Amino acid sequence: MKTTEALDDLNFILKHNKNHADAYTSKGDIYRDRGDITMAIINYSQGLKCRPDADIYFRRAKLYEASNDLLMAMEDYRMVSKVYIKNIFFFCKIFLLEIHIKK
């Protein structure tokens, strides 16, 4: 019930400010927690249109990977790696996805 109210509040915010990246990200989090990967990805994507952000790319990448859309996951991990250039985790993730895709 609380998530339904939260979605209503976020939709109200977006009705008055269509470029509120945090509202889209919060909606994406709610849908992710509900298990609705498609709606989570849609909302994260809208948030990224408003404000490109490594954290949102990372959240979306994990969902793409979970839904076996490895090419999209790899692209989002690449976007994150541009921000966190010193973090070897993202480079390893990209490498492993490339190997998996080639199989």
C-alpha atoms as a PDB file:
ATOM      1  CA  MET A   1       0.000   0.000   0.000  1.00  0.00           C
ATOM      2  CA  LYS A   2       2.801   2.404   0.850  1.00  0.00           C
ATOM      3  CA  THR A   3       4.414   1.875  -2.547  1.00  0.00           C
ATOM      4  CA  THR A   4       1.143   2.688  -4.281  1.00  0.00           C
ATOM      5  CA  GLU A   5       0.940   5.957  -2.368  1.00  0.00           C
ATOM      6  CA  ALA A   6       4.584   6.664  -3.134  1.00  0.00           C
ATOM      7  CA  LEU A   7       3.958   6.070  -6.842  1.00  0.00           C
ATOM      8  CA  ASP A   8       0.982   8.441  -6.693  1.00  0.00           C
ATOM      9  CA  ASP A   9       3.175  11.113  -5.086  1.00  0.00           C
ATOM     10  CA  LEU A  10       5.938  10.586  -7.644  1.00  0.00           C
ATOM     11  CA  ASN A  11       3.446  10.771 -10.517  1.00  0.00           C
ATOM     12  CA  PHE A  12       2.155  14.042  -9.064  1.00  0.00           C
ATOM     13  CA  ILE A  13       5.701  15.413  -8.988  1.00  0.00           C
ATOM     14  CA  LEU A  14       6.281  14.316 -12.577  1.00  0.00           C
ATOM     15  CA  LYS A  15       3.000  15.858 -13.683  1.00  0.00           C
ATOM     16  CA  HIS A  16       4.398  19.219 -12.607  1.00  0.00           C
ATOM     17  CA  ASN A  17       8.041  18.602 -13.478  1.00  0.00           C
ATOM     18  CA  LYS A  18       8.626  16.096 -16.280  1.00  0.00           C
ATOM     19  CA  ASN A  19      12.409  16.446 -15.899  1.00  0.00           C
ATOM     20  CA  HIS A  20      12.683  15.309 -12.278  1.00  0.00           C
ATOM     21  CA  ALA A  21      15.322  12.581 -12.586  1.00  0.00           C
ATOM     22  CA  ASP A  22      15.072  11.571  -8.926  1.00  0.00           C
ATOM     23  CA  ALA A  23      11.335  10.943  -9.223  1.00  0.00           C
ATOM     24  CA  TYR A  24      11.903   8.611 -12.188  1.00  0.00           C
ATOM     25  CA  THR A  25      14.711   6.865 -10.314  1.00  0.00           C
ATOM     26  CA  SER A  26      12.507   6.389  -7.260  1.00  0.00           C
ATOM     27  CA  LYS A  27       9.746   4.953  -9.440  1.00  0.00           C
ATOM     28  CA  GLY A  28      12.300   2.622 -10.988  1.00  0.00           C
ATOM     29  CA  ASP A  29      13.359   1.471  -7.523  1.00  0.00           C
ATOM     30  CA  ILE A  30       9.756   0.764  -6.539  1.00  0.00           C
ATOM     31  CA  TYR A  31       9.068  -1.227  -9.694  1.00  0.00           C
ATOM     32  CA  ARG A  32      12.363  -3.117  -9.277  1.00  0.00           C
ATOM     33  CA  ASP A  33      11.418  -4.027  -5.717  1.00  0.00           C
ATOM     34  CA  ARG A  34       8.020  -5.199  -6.966  1.00  0.00           C
ATOM     35  CA  GLY A  35       9.753  -7.409  -9.541  1.00  0.00           C
ATOM     36  CA  ASP A  36       8.500  -5.416 -12.539  1.00  0.00           C
ATOM     37  CA  ILE A  37      11.780  -5.202 -14.442  1.00  0.00           C
ATOM     38  CA  THR A  38      10.254  -3.690 -17.576  1.00  0.00           C
ATOM     39  CA  MET A  39       8.692  -0.744 -15.732  1.00  0.00           C
ATOM     40  CA  ALA A  40      11.855  -0.284 -13.671  1.00  0.00           C
ATOM     41  CA  ILE A  41      13.976  -0.075 -16.835  1.00  0.00           C
ATOM     42  CA  ILE A  42      11.526   2.356 -18.437  1.00  0.00           C
ATOM     43  CA  ASN A  43      11.675   4.675 -15.423  1.00  0.00           C
ATOM     44  CA  TYR A  44      15.451   4.443 -15.058  1.00  0.00           C
ATOM     45  CA  SER A  45      15.731   5.269 -18.767  1.00  0.00           C
ATOM     46  CA  GLN A  46      13.527   8.336 -18.309  1.00  0.00           C
ATOM     47  CA  GLY A  47      15.656   9.425 -15.373  1.00  0.00           C
ATOM     48  CA  LEU A  48      18.781   9.076 -17.501  1.00  0.00           C
ATOM     49  CA  LYS A  49      17.248  11.256 -20.201  1.00  0.00           C
ATOM     50  CA  CYS A  50      16.752  13.963 -17.586  1.00  0.00           C
ATOM     51  CA  ARG A  51      20.145  13.566 -15.968  1.00  0.00           C
ATOM     52  CA  PRO A  52      22.797  11.019 -16.969  1.00  0.00           C
ATOM     53  CA  ASP A  53      24.076   9.474 -13.752  1.00  0.00           C
ATOM     54  CA  ALA A  54      26.420   6.537 -13.118  1.00  0.00           C
ATOM     55  CA  ASP A  55      24.282   5.200 -10.266  1.00  0.00           C
ATOM     56  CA  ILE A  56      21.180   5.012 -12.467  1.00  0.00           C
ATOM     57  CA  TYR A  57      23.188   3.365 -15.254  1.00  0.00           C
ATOM     58  CA  PHE A  58      24.390   0.795 -12.716  1.00  0.00           C
ATOM     59  CA  ARG A  59      20.873   0.066 -11.458  1.00  0.00           C
ATOM     60  CA  ARG A  60      19.605  -0.332 -15.016  1.00  0.00           C
ATOM     61  CA  ALA A  61      22.595  -2.501 -15.995  1.00  0.00           C
ATOM     62  CA  LYS A  62      21.815  -4.949 -13.196  1.00  0.00           C
ATOM     63  CA  LEU A  63      18.234  -5.249 -14.432  1.00  0.00           C
ATOM     64  CA  TYR A  64      19.317  -5.754 -18.037  1.00  0.00           C
ATOM     65  CA  GLU A  65      21.690  -8.455 -16.853  1.00  0.00           C
ATOM     66  CA  ALA A  66      18.972 -10.104 -14.752  1.00  0.00           C
ATOM     67  CA  SER A  67      16.672 -10.167 -17.778  1.00  0.00           C
ATOM     68  CA  ASN A  68      19.502 -11.625 -19.907  1.00  0.00           C
ATOM     69  CA  ASP A  69      19.801  -8.550 -22.133  1.00  0.00           C
ATOM     70  CA  LEU A  70      23.559  -8.734 -21.956  1.00  0.00           C
ATOM     71  CA  LEU A  71      24.362  -6.260 -24.714  1.00  0.00           C
ATOM     72  CA  MET A  72      22.364  -3.520 -23.011  1.00  0.00           C
ATOM     73  CA  ALA A  73      23.840  -4.459 -19.630  1.00  0.00           C
ATOM     74  CA  MET A  74      27.336  -4.253 -21.061  1.00  0.00           C
ATOM     75  CA  GLU A  75      26.656  -0.820 -22.540  1.00  0.00           C
ATOM     76  CA  ASP A  76      25.386   0.504 -19.213  1.00  0.00           C
ATOM     77  CA  TYR A  77      28.373  -0.974 -17.359  1.00  0.00           C
ATOM     78  CA  ARG A  78      30.587   0.812 -19.883  1.00  0.00           C
ATOM     79  CA  MET A  79      28.874   4.096 -19.054  1.00  0.00           C
ATOM     80  CA  VAL A  80      29.503   3.469 -15.361  1.00  0.00           C
ATOM     81  CA  SER A  81      33.130   2.543 -15.992  1.00  0.00           C
ATOM     82  CA  LYS A  82      33.696   5.926 -17.644  1.00  0.00           C
ATOM     83  CA  VAL A  83      32.844   7.581 -14.343  1.00  0.00           C
ATOM     84  CA  TYR A  84      34.528   5.036 -12.082  1.00  0.00           C
ATOM     85  CA  ILE A  85      37.575   4.503 -14.261  1.00  0.00           C
ATOM     86  CA  LYS A  86      39.660   3.111 -11.404  1.00  0.00           C
ATOM     87  CA  ASN A  87      37.087   0.518 -10.336  1.00  0.00           C
ATOM     88  CA  ILE A  88      38.185  -2.812 -11.768  1.00  0.00           C
ATOM     89  CA  PHE A  89      34.797  -4.396 -10.998  1.00  0.00           C
ATOM     90  CA  PHE A  90      33.137  -2.749 -13.988  1.00  0.00           C
ATOM     91  CA  PHE A  91      35.891  -3.708 -16.388  1.00  0.00           C
ATOM     92  CA  CYS A  92      35.688  -7.316 -15.208  1.00  0.00           C
ATOM     93  CA  LYS A  93      31.908  -7.265 -15.584  1.00  0.00           C
ATOM     94  CA  ILE A  94      32.174  -5.975 -19.157  1.00  0.00           C
ATOM     95  CA  PHE A  95      34.810  -8.582 -19.998  1.00  0.00           C
ATOM     96  CA  LEU A  96      32.724 -11.447 -18.571  1.00  0.00           C
ATOM     97  CA  LEU A  97      29.624 -10.304 -20.452  1.00  0.00           C
ATOM     98  CA  GLU A  98      31.598 -10.104 -23.697  1.00  0.00           C
ATOM     99  CA  ILE A  99      32.784 -13.690 -23.196  1.00  0.00           C
ATOM    100  CA  HIS A 100      29.246 -14.850 -22.409  1.00  0.00           C
ATOM    101  CA  ILE A 101      27.805 -13.119 -25.481  1.00  0.00           C
ATOM    102  CA  LYS A 102      30.383 -14.698 -27.790  1.00  0.00           C
ATOM    103  CA  LYS A 103      29.494 -18.239 -26.636  1.00  0.00           C
END
